[in-house]
Amino acid sequence: MAKRSTPKKQQANSQSSRRYKDFRNKAQKRLLNLASISICPKCKEAKLAHAVCHNCGEYNGRKVLDMEKQVDKITKVKA
């Protein structure tokens, strides 16, 4: 590993916090743009845009997932 030089003077606290705030703001903007969240028009729950709603199973006004069928599979226990 390369050796790092020793700072000649102490850095001001405002300079350190300014650098950290800039990094934090850029990271927050990246995370917000990563996943766009929309509201399901039927059940009014938050969901990912352009994806099936996991609460009601609808996408673009059509029933895509049968939520009752999935619940039956989970609750049945084969002994």
PDB file of N, CA and C in Angstrom:
ATOM      1  N   MET A   1       0.827  -1.179   0.000  1.00  0.00           N
ATOM      2  CA  MET A   1       0.000   0.000   0.000  1.00  0.00           C
ATOM      3  C   MET A   1       0.874   1.246   0.000  1.00  0.00           C
ATOM      4  N   ALA A   2       0.351   2.274  -0.648  1.00  0.00           N
ATOM      5  CA  ALA A   2       1.093   3.522  -0.718  1.00  0.00           C
ATOM      6  C   ALA A   2       0.984   4.269   0.601  1.00  0.00           C
ATOM      7  N   LYS A   3       2.074   4.897   0.976  1.00  0.00           N
ATOM      8  CA  LYS A   3       2.068   5.681   2.207  1.00  0.00           C
ATOM      9  C   LYS A   3       1.433   7.036   1.934  1.00  0.00           C
ATOM     10  N   ARG A   4       0.717   7.538   2.926  1.00  0.00           N
ATOM     11  CA  ARG A   4       0.063   8.827   2.802  1.00  0.00           C
ATOM     12  C   ARG A   4       0.873   9.884   3.533  1.00  0.00           C
ATOM     13  N   SER A   5       0.849  11.081   2.992  1.00  0.00           N
ATOM     14  CA  SER A   5       1.602  12.155   3.618  1.00  0.00           C
ATOM     15  C   SER A   5       0.888  12.642   4.880  1.00  0.00           C
ATOM     16  N   THR A   6       1.676  13.165   5.810  1.00  0.00           N
ATOM     17  CA  THR A   6       1.130  13.698   7.053  1.00  0.00           C
ATOM     18  C   THR A   6       0.695  15.138   6.824  1.00  0.00           C
ATOM     19  N   PRO A   7      -0.507  15.511   7.291  1.00  0.00           N
ATOM     20  CA  PRO A   7      -0.934  16.896   7.101  1.00  0.00           C
ATOM     21  C   PRO A   7      -0.040  17.856   7.886  1.00  0.00           C
ATOM     22  N   LYS A   8       0.279  18.986   7.265  1.00  0.00           N
ATOM     23  CA  LYS A   8       1.163  19.962   7.892  1.00  0.00           C
ATOM     24  C   LYS A   8       0.423  20.826   8.916  1.00  0.00           C
ATOM     25  N   LYS A   9      -0.866  21.090   8.674  1.00  0.00           N
ATOM     26  CA  LYS A   9      -1.649  21.907   9.585  1.00  0.00           C
ATOM     27  C   LYS A   9      -2.964  21.209   9.893  1.00  0.00           C
ATOM     28  N   GLN A  10      -3.515  21.556  11.043  1.00  0.00           N
ATOM     29  CA  GLN A  10      -4.792  20.953  11.425  1.00  0.00           C
ATOM     30  C   GLN A  10      -5.910  21.534  10.559  1.00  0.00           C
ATOM     31  N   GLN A  11      -6.808  20.646  10.132  1.00  0.00           N
ATOM     32  CA  GLN A  11      -7.911  21.077   9.289  1.00  0.00           C
ATOM     33  C   GLN A  11      -9.069  21.579  10.157  1.00  0.00           C
ATOM     34  N   ALA A  12      -9.716  22.625   9.726  1.00  0.00           N
ATOM     35  CA  ALA A  12     -10.821  23.214  10.484  1.00  0.00           C
ATOM     36  C   ALA A  12     -12.014  22.258  10.505  1.00  0.00           C
ATOM     37  N   ASN A  13     -12.789  22.312  11.603  1.00  0.00           N
ATOM     38  CA  ASN A  13     -13.962  21.441  11.720  1.00  0.00           C
ATOM     39  C   ASN A  13     -15.005  21.762  10.657  1.00  0.00           C
ATOM     40  N   SER A  14     -15.139  23.019  10.303  1.00  0.00           N
ATOM     41  CA  SER A  14     -16.126  23.392   9.291  1.00  0.00           C
ATOM     42  C   SER A  14     -15.774  22.785   7.934  1.00  0.00           C
ATOM     43  N   GLN A  15     -14.482  22.710   7.632  1.00  0.00           N
ATOM     44  CA  GLN A  15     -14.057  22.123   6.358  1.00  0.00           C
ATOM     45  C   GLN A  15     -14.376  20.630   6.325  1.00  0.00           C
ATOM     46  N   SER A  16     -14.148  19.941   7.440  1.00  0.00           N
ATOM     47  CA  SER A  16     -14.435  18.509   7.511  1.00  0.00           C
ATOM     48  C   SER A  16     -15.928  18.255   7.377  1.00  0.00           C
ATOM     49  N   SER A  17     -16.741  19.038   8.088  1.00  0.00           N
ATOM     50  CA  SER A  17     -18.181  18.827   8.042  1.00  0.00           C
ATOM     51  C   SER A  17     -18.746  19.198   6.678  1.00  0.00           C
ATOM     52  N   ARG A  18     -18.168  20.200   6.019  1.00  0.00           N
ATOM     53  CA  ARG A  18     -18.626  20.582   4.685  1.00  0.00           C
ATOM     54  C   ARG A  18     -18.372  19.444   3.700  1.00  0.00           C
ATOM     55  N   ARG A  19     -17.213  18.814   3.798  1.00  0.00           N
ATOM     56  CA  ARG A  19     -16.887  17.702   2.916  1.00  0.00           C
ATOM     57  C   ARG A  19     -17.832  16.525   3.168  1.00  0.00           C
ATOM     58  N   TYR A  20     -18.124  16.251   4.416  1.00  0.00           N
ATOM     59  CA  TYR A  20     -19.030  15.154   4.756  1.00  0.00           C
ATOM     60  C   TYR A  20     -20.449  15.448   4.272  1.00  0.00           C
ATOM     61  N   LYS A  21     -20.939  16.679   4.448  1.00  0.00           N
ATOM     62  CA  LYS A  21     -22.291  17.037   4.022  1.00  0.00           C
ATOM     63  C   LYS A  21     -22.437  16.894   2.512  1.00  0.00           C
ATOM     64  N   ASP A  22     -21.409  17.291   1.761  1.00  0.00           N
ATOM     65  CA  ASP A  22     -21.456  17.171   0.313  1.00  0.00           C
ATOM     66  C   ASP A  22     -21.560  15.708  -0.095  1.00  0.00           C
ATOM     67  N   PHE A  23     -20.776  14.849   0.546  1.00  0.00           N
ATOM     68  CA  PHE A  23     -20.829  13.410   0.266  1.00  0.00           C
ATOM     69  C   PHE A  23     -22.199  12.850   0.612  1.00  0.00           C
ATOM     70  N   ARG A  24     -22.747  13.252   1.770  1.00  0.00           N
ATOM     71  CA  ARG A  24     -24.051  12.748   2.217  1.00  0.00           C
ATOM     72  C   ARG A  24     -25.158  13.163   1.256  1.00  0.00           C
ATOM     73  N   ASN A  25     -25.143  14.417   0.814  1.00  0.00           N
ATOM     74  CA  ASN A  25     -26.171  14.897  -0.104  1.00  0.00           C
ATOM     75  C   ASN A  25     -26.120  14.169  -1.444  1.00  0.00           C
ATOM     76  N   LYS A  26     -24.919  13.934  -1.950  1.00  0.00           N
ATOM     77  CA  LYS A  26     -24.794  13.214  -3.216  1.00  0.00           C
ATOM     78  C   LYS A  26     -25.283  11.777  -3.073  1.00  0.00           C
ATOM     79  N   ALA A  27     -24.968  11.133  -1.957  1.00  0.00           N
ATOM     80  CA  ALA A  27     -25.406   9.753  -1.731  1.00  0.00           C
ATOM     81  C   ALA A  27     -26.926   9.675  -1.615  1.00  0.00           C
ATOM     82  N   GLN A  28     -27.540  10.638  -0.948  1.00  0.00           N
ATOM     83  CA  GLN A  28     -28.996  10.646  -0.814  1.00  0.00           C
ATOM     84  C   GLN A  28     -29.672  10.831  -2.167  1.00  0.00           C
ATOM     85  N   LYS A  29     -29.137  11.696  -3.007  1.00  0.00           N
ATOM     86  CA  LYS A  29     -29.712  11.899  -4.333  1.00  0.00           C
ATOM     87  C   LYS A  29     -29.624  10.625  -5.162  1.00  0.00           C
ATOM     88  N   ARG A  30     -28.491   9.913  -5.079  1.00  0.00           N
ATOM     89  CA  ARG A  30     -28.333   8.662  -5.814  1.00  0.00           C
ATOM     90  C   ARG A  30     -29.348   7.625  -5.349  1.00  0.00           C
ATOM     91  N   LEU A  31     -29.560   7.524  -4.032  1.00  0.00           N
ATOM     92  CA  LEU A  31     -30.495   6.538  -3.502  1.00  0.00           C
ATOM     93  C   LEU A  31     -31.933   6.877  -3.873  1.00  0.00           C
ATOM     94  N   LEU A  32     -32.291   8.158  -3.882  1.00  0.00           N
ATOM     95  CA  LEU A  32     -33.646   8.542  -4.251  1.00  0.00           C
ATOM     96  C   LEU A  32     -33.936   8.227  -5.709  1.00  0.00           C
ATOM     97  N   ASN A  33     -32.954   8.404  -6.577  1.00  0.00           N
ATOM     98  CA  ASN A  33     -33.154   8.139  -7.997  1.00  0.00           C
ATOM     99  C   ASN A  33     -33.072   6.651  -8.318  1.00  0.00           C
ATOM    100  N   LEU A  34     -32.566   5.854  -7.395  1.00  0.00           N
ATOM    101  CA  LEU A  34     -32.379   4.425  -7.663  1.00  0.00           C
ATOM    102  C   LEU A  34     -33.709   3.704  -7.765  1.00  0.00           C
ATOM    103  N   ALA A  35     -34.618   3.934  -6.836  1.00  0.00           N
ATOM    104  CA  ALA A  35     -35.902   3.251  -6.831  1.00  0.00           C
ATOM    105  C   ALA A  35     -37.016   4.281  -6.807  1.00  0.00           C
ATOM    106  N   SER A  36     -37.822   4.287  -7.862  1.00  0.00           N
ATOM    107  CA  SER A  36     -38.945   5.218  -7.884  1.00  0.00           C
ATOM    108  C   SER A  36     -40.168   4.516  -7.311  1.00  0.00           C
ATOM    109  N   ILE A  37     -40.759   5.122  -6.320  1.00  0.00           N
ATOM    110  CA  ILE A  37     -41.900   4.533  -5.618  1.00  0.00           C
ATOM    111  C   ILE A  37     -43.163   5.266  -6.044  1.00  0.00           C
ATOM    112  N   SER A  38     -44.210   4.494  -6.340  1.00  0.00           N
ATOM    113  CA  SER A  38     -45.492   5.077  -6.701  1.00  0.00           C
ATOM    114  C   SER A  38     -46.573   4.493  -5.800  1.00  0.00           C
ATOM    115  N   ILE A  39     -47.794   4.965  -5.959  1.00  0.00           N
ATOM    116  CA  ILE A  39     -48.912   4.514  -5.138  1.00  0.00           C
ATOM    117  C   ILE A  39     -49.844   3.675  -6.000  1.00  0.00           C
ATOM    118  N   CYS A  40     -50.265   2.545  -5.488  1.00  0.00           N
ATOM    119  CA  CYS A  40     -51.190   1.661  -6.198  1.00  0.00           C
ATOM    120  C   CYS A  40     -52.553   2.349  -6.270  1.00  0.00           C
ATOM    121  N   PRO A  41     -53.156   2.459  -7.467  1.00  0.00           N
ATOM    122  CA  PRO A  41     -54.442   3.159  -7.570  1.00  0.00           C
ATOM    123  C   PRO A  41     -55.599   2.412  -6.906  1.00  0.00           C
ATOM    124  N   LYS A  42     -55.475   1.086  -6.745  1.00  0.00           N
ATOM    125  CA  LYS A  42     -56.583   0.327  -6.152  1.00  0.00           C
ATOM    126  C   LYS A  42     -56.521   0.314  -4.630  1.00  0.00           C
ATOM    127  N   CYS A  43     -55.397  -0.103  -4.066  1.00  0.00           N
ATOM    128  CA  CYS A  43     -55.311  -0.269  -2.606  1.00  0.00           C
ATOM    129  C   CYS A  43     -54.599   0.880  -1.912  1.00  0.00           C
ATOM    130  N   LYS A  44     -54.056   1.842  -2.664  1.00  0.00           N
ATOM    131  CA  LYS A  44     -53.394   3.037  -2.128  1.00  0.00           C
ATOM    132  C   LYS A  44     -52.156   2.715  -1.282  1.00  0.00           C
ATOM    133  N   GLU A  45     -51.506   1.592  -1.555  1.00  0.00           N
ATOM    134  CA  GLU A  45     -50.270   1.223  -0.864  1.00  0.00           C
ATOM    135  C   GLU A  45     -49.079   1.629  -1.722  1.00  0.00           C
ATOM    136  N   ALA A  46     -47.934   1.845  -1.098  1.00  0.00           N
ATOM    137  CA  ALA A  46     -46.712   2.185  -1.829  1.00  0.00           C
ATOM    138  C   ALA A  46     -46.183   0.948  -2.529  1.00  0.00           C
ATOM    139  N   LYS A  47     -45.740   1.122  -3.782  1.00  0.00           N
ATOM    140  CA  LYS A  47     -45.184   0.018  -4.551  1.00  0.00           C
ATOM    141  C   LYS A  47     -44.104   0.567  -5.466  1.00  0.00           C
ATOM    142  N   LEU A  48     -43.284  -0.321  -6.012  1.00  0.00           N
ATOM    143  CA  LEU A  48     -42.292   0.091  -6.986  1.00  0.00           C
ATOM    144  C   LEU A  48     -42.983   0.440  -8.292  1.00  0.00           C
ATOM    145  N   ALA A  49     -42.507   1.464  -8.972  1.00  0.00           N
ATOM    146  CA  ALA A  49     -43.086   1.855 -10.246  1.00  0.00           C
ATOM    147  C   ALA A  49     -42.832   0.770 -11.281  1.00  0.00           C
ATOM    148  N   HIS A  50     -43.792   0.541 -12.163  1.00  0.00           N
ATOM    149  CA  HIS A  50     -43.719  -0.457 -13.236  1.00  0.00           C
ATOM    150  C   HIS A  50     -43.538  -1.856 -12.675  1.00  0.00           C
ATOM    151  N   ALA A  51     -44.193  -2.158 -11.563  1.00  0.00           N
ATOM    152  CA  ALA A  51     -44.112  -3.484 -10.955  1.00  0.00           C
ATOM    153  C   ALA A  51     -45.475  -3.852 -10.377  1.00  0.00           C
ATOM    154  N   VAL A  52     -45.679  -5.140 -10.133  1.00  0.00           N
ATOM    155  CA  VAL A  52     -46.930  -5.631  -9.563  1.00  0.00           C
ATOM    156  C   VAL A  52     -47.023  -5.209  -8.102  1.00  0.00           C
ATOM    157  N   CYS A  53     -48.215  -4.802  -7.679  1.00  0.00           N
ATOM    158  CA  CYS A  53     -48.439  -4.447  -6.283  1.00  0.00           C
ATOM    159  C   CYS A  53     -48.464  -5.734  -5.464  1.00  0.00           C
ATOM    160  N   HIS A  54     -47.660  -5.801  -4.421  1.00  0.00           N
ATOM    161  CA  HIS A  54     -47.593  -7.012  -3.602  1.00  0.00           C
ATOM    162  C   HIS A  54     -48.741  -7.103  -2.615  1.00  0.00           C
ATOM    163  N   ASN A  55     -49.496  -6.027  -2.479  1.00  0.00           N
ATOM    164  CA  ASN A  55     -50.617  -6.032  -1.547  1.00  0.00           C
ATOM    165  C   ASN A  55     -51.887  -6.583  -2.203  1.00  0.00           C
ATOM    166  N   CYS A  56     -52.207  -6.078  -3.405  1.00  0.00           N
ATOM    167  CA  CYS A  56     -53.449  -6.516  -4.060  1.00  0.00           C
ATOM    168  C   CYS A  56     -53.199  -7.388  -5.294  1.00  0.00           C
ATOM    169  N   GLY A  57     -52.001  -7.395  -5.844  1.00  0.00           N
ATOM    170  CA  GLY A  57     -51.675  -8.260  -6.981  1.00  0.00           C
ATOM    171  C   GLY A  57     -52.090  -7.696  -8.329  1.00  0.00           C
ATOM    172  N   GLU A  58     -52.293  -6.397  -8.438  1.00  0.00           N
ATOM    173  CA  GLU A  58     -52.703  -5.800  -9.700  1.00  0.00           C
ATOM    174  C   GLU A  58     -51.555  -5.043 -10.342  1.00  0.00           C
ATOM    175  N   TYR A  59     -51.569  -5.015 -11.696  1.00  0.00           N
ATOM    176  CA  TYR A  59     -50.610  -4.225 -12.452  1.00  0.00           C
ATOM    177  C   TYR A  59     -51.329  -3.640 -13.656  1.00  0.00           C
ATOM    178  N   ASN A  60     -51.277  -2.342 -13.801  1.00  0.00           N
ATOM    179  CA  ASN A  60     -51.863  -1.627 -14.935  1.00  0.00           C
ATOM    180  C   ASN A  60     -53.361  -1.899 -15.062  1.00  0.00           C
ATOM    181  N   GLY A  61     -54.058  -2.003 -13.923  1.00  0.00           N
ATOM    182  CA  GLY A  61     -55.506  -2.191 -13.923  1.00  0.00           C
ATOM    183  C   GLY A  61     -55.961  -3.618 -14.118  1.00  0.00           C
ATOM    184  N   ARG A  62     -55.028  -4.578 -14.205  1.00  0.00           N
ATOM    185  CA  ARG A  62     -55.387  -5.986 -14.402  1.00  0.00           C
ATOM    186  C   ARG A  62     -54.921  -6.814 -13.223  1.00  0.00           C
ATOM    187  N   LYS A  63     -55.648  -7.874 -12.921  1.00  0.00           N
ATOM    188  CA  LYS A  63     -55.283  -8.795 -11.840  1.00  0.00           C
ATOM    189  C   LYS A  63     -54.204  -9.733 -12.378  1.00  0.00           C
ATOM    190  N   VAL A  64     -53.002  -9.623 -11.836  1.00  0.00           N
ATOM    191  CA  VAL A  64     -51.870 -10.421 -12.314  1.00  0.00           C
ATOM    192  C   VAL A  64     -51.584 -11.571 -11.362  1.00  0.00           C
ATOM    193  N   LEU A  65     -51.569 -11.285 -10.072  1.00  0.00           N
ATOM    194  CA  LEU A  65     -51.311 -12.301  -9.059  1.00  0.00           C
ATOM    195  C   LEU A  65     -52.594 -12.626  -8.314  1.00  0.00           C
ATOM    196  N   ASP A  66     -52.824 -13.909  -8.078  1.00  0.00           N
ATOM    197  CA  ASP A  66     -53.964 -14.316  -7.275  1.00  0.00           C
ATOM    198  C   ASP A  66     -53.480 -14.424  -5.831  1.00  0.00           C
ATOM    199  N   MET A  67     -53.778 -13.398  -5.045  1.00  0.00           N
ATOM    200  CA  MET A  67     -53.255 -13.328  -3.680  1.00  0.00           C
ATOM    201  C   MET A  67     -53.875 -14.399  -2.774  1.00  0.00           C
ATOM    202  N   GLU A  68     -55.123 -14.785  -3.012  1.00  0.00           N
ATOM    203  CA  GLU A  68     -55.766 -15.818  -2.191  1.00  0.00           C
ATOM    204  C   GLU A  68     -55.087 -17.163  -2.391  1.00  0.00           C
ATOM    205  N   LYS A  69     -54.683 -17.439  -3.610  1.00  0.00           N
ATOM    206  CA  LYS A  69     -54.022 -18.705  -3.914  1.00  0.00           C
ATOM    207  C   LYS A  69     -52.679 -18.801  -3.183  1.00  0.00           C
ATOM    208  N   GLN A  70     -51.937 -17.708  -3.163  1.00  0.00           N
ATOM    209  CA  GLN A  70     -50.641 -17.711  -2.494  1.00  0.00           C
ATOM    210  C   GLN A  70     -50.800 -17.872  -0.988  1.00  0.00           C
ATOM    211  N   VAL A  71     -51.835 -17.292  -0.398  1.00  0.00           N
ATOM    212  CA  VAL A  71     -52.055 -17.414   1.038  1.00  0.00           C
ATOM    213  C   VAL A  71     -52.367 -18.859   1.393  1.00  0.00           C
ATOM    214  N   ASP A  72     -53.163 -19.559   0.545  1.00  0.00           N
ATOM    215  CA  ASP A  72     -53.483 -20.960   0.806  1.00  0.00           C
ATOM    216  C   ASP A  72     -52.216 -21.811   0.791  1.00  0.00           C
ATOM    217  N   LYS A  73     -51.316 -21.536  -0.129  1.00  0.00           N
ATOM    218  CA  LYS A  73     -50.080 -22.314  -0.211  1.00  0.00           C
ATOM    219  C   LYS A  73     -49.235 -22.124   1.048  1.00  0.00           C
ATOM    220  N   ILE A  74     -49.186 -20.909   1.556  1.00  0.00           N
ATOM    221  CA  ILE A  74     -48.348 -20.633   2.716  1.00  0.00           C
ATOM    222  C   ILE A  74     -48.943 -21.247   3.988  1.00  0.00           C
ATOM    223  N   THR A  75     -50.274 -21.182   4.119  1.00  0.00           N
ATOM    224  CA  THR A  75     -50.887 -21.630   5.367  1.00  0.00           C
ATOM    225  C   THR A  75     -51.009 -23.149   5.444  1.00  0.00           C
ATOM    226  N   LYS A  76     -51.067 -23.857   4.308  1.00  0.00           N
ATOM    227  CA  LYS A  76     -51.183 -25.317   4.355  1.00  0.00           C
ATOM    228  C   LYS A  76     -49.860 -25.931   4.772  1.00  0.00           C
ATOM    229  N   VAL A  77     -49.934 -26.865   5.715  1.00  0.00           N
ATOM    230  CA  VAL A  77     -48.742 -27.567   6.170  1.00  0.00           C
ATOM    231  C   VAL A  77     -48.935 -29.034   5.868  1.00  0.00           C
ATOM    232  N   LYS A  78     -48.013 -29.590   5.102  1.00  0.00           N
ATOM    233  CA  LYS A  78     -48.094 -31.021   4.794  1.00  0.00           C
ATOM    234  C   LYS A  78     -47.440 -31.797   5.909  1.00  0.00           C
ATOM    235  N   ALA A  79     -48.200 -32.688   6.515  1.00  0.00           N
ATOM    236  CA  ALA A  79     -47.670 -33.457   7.632  1.00  0.00           C
ATOM    237  C   ALA A  79     -47.225 -34.833   7.176  1.00  0.00           C
TER     238      ALA A  79
END
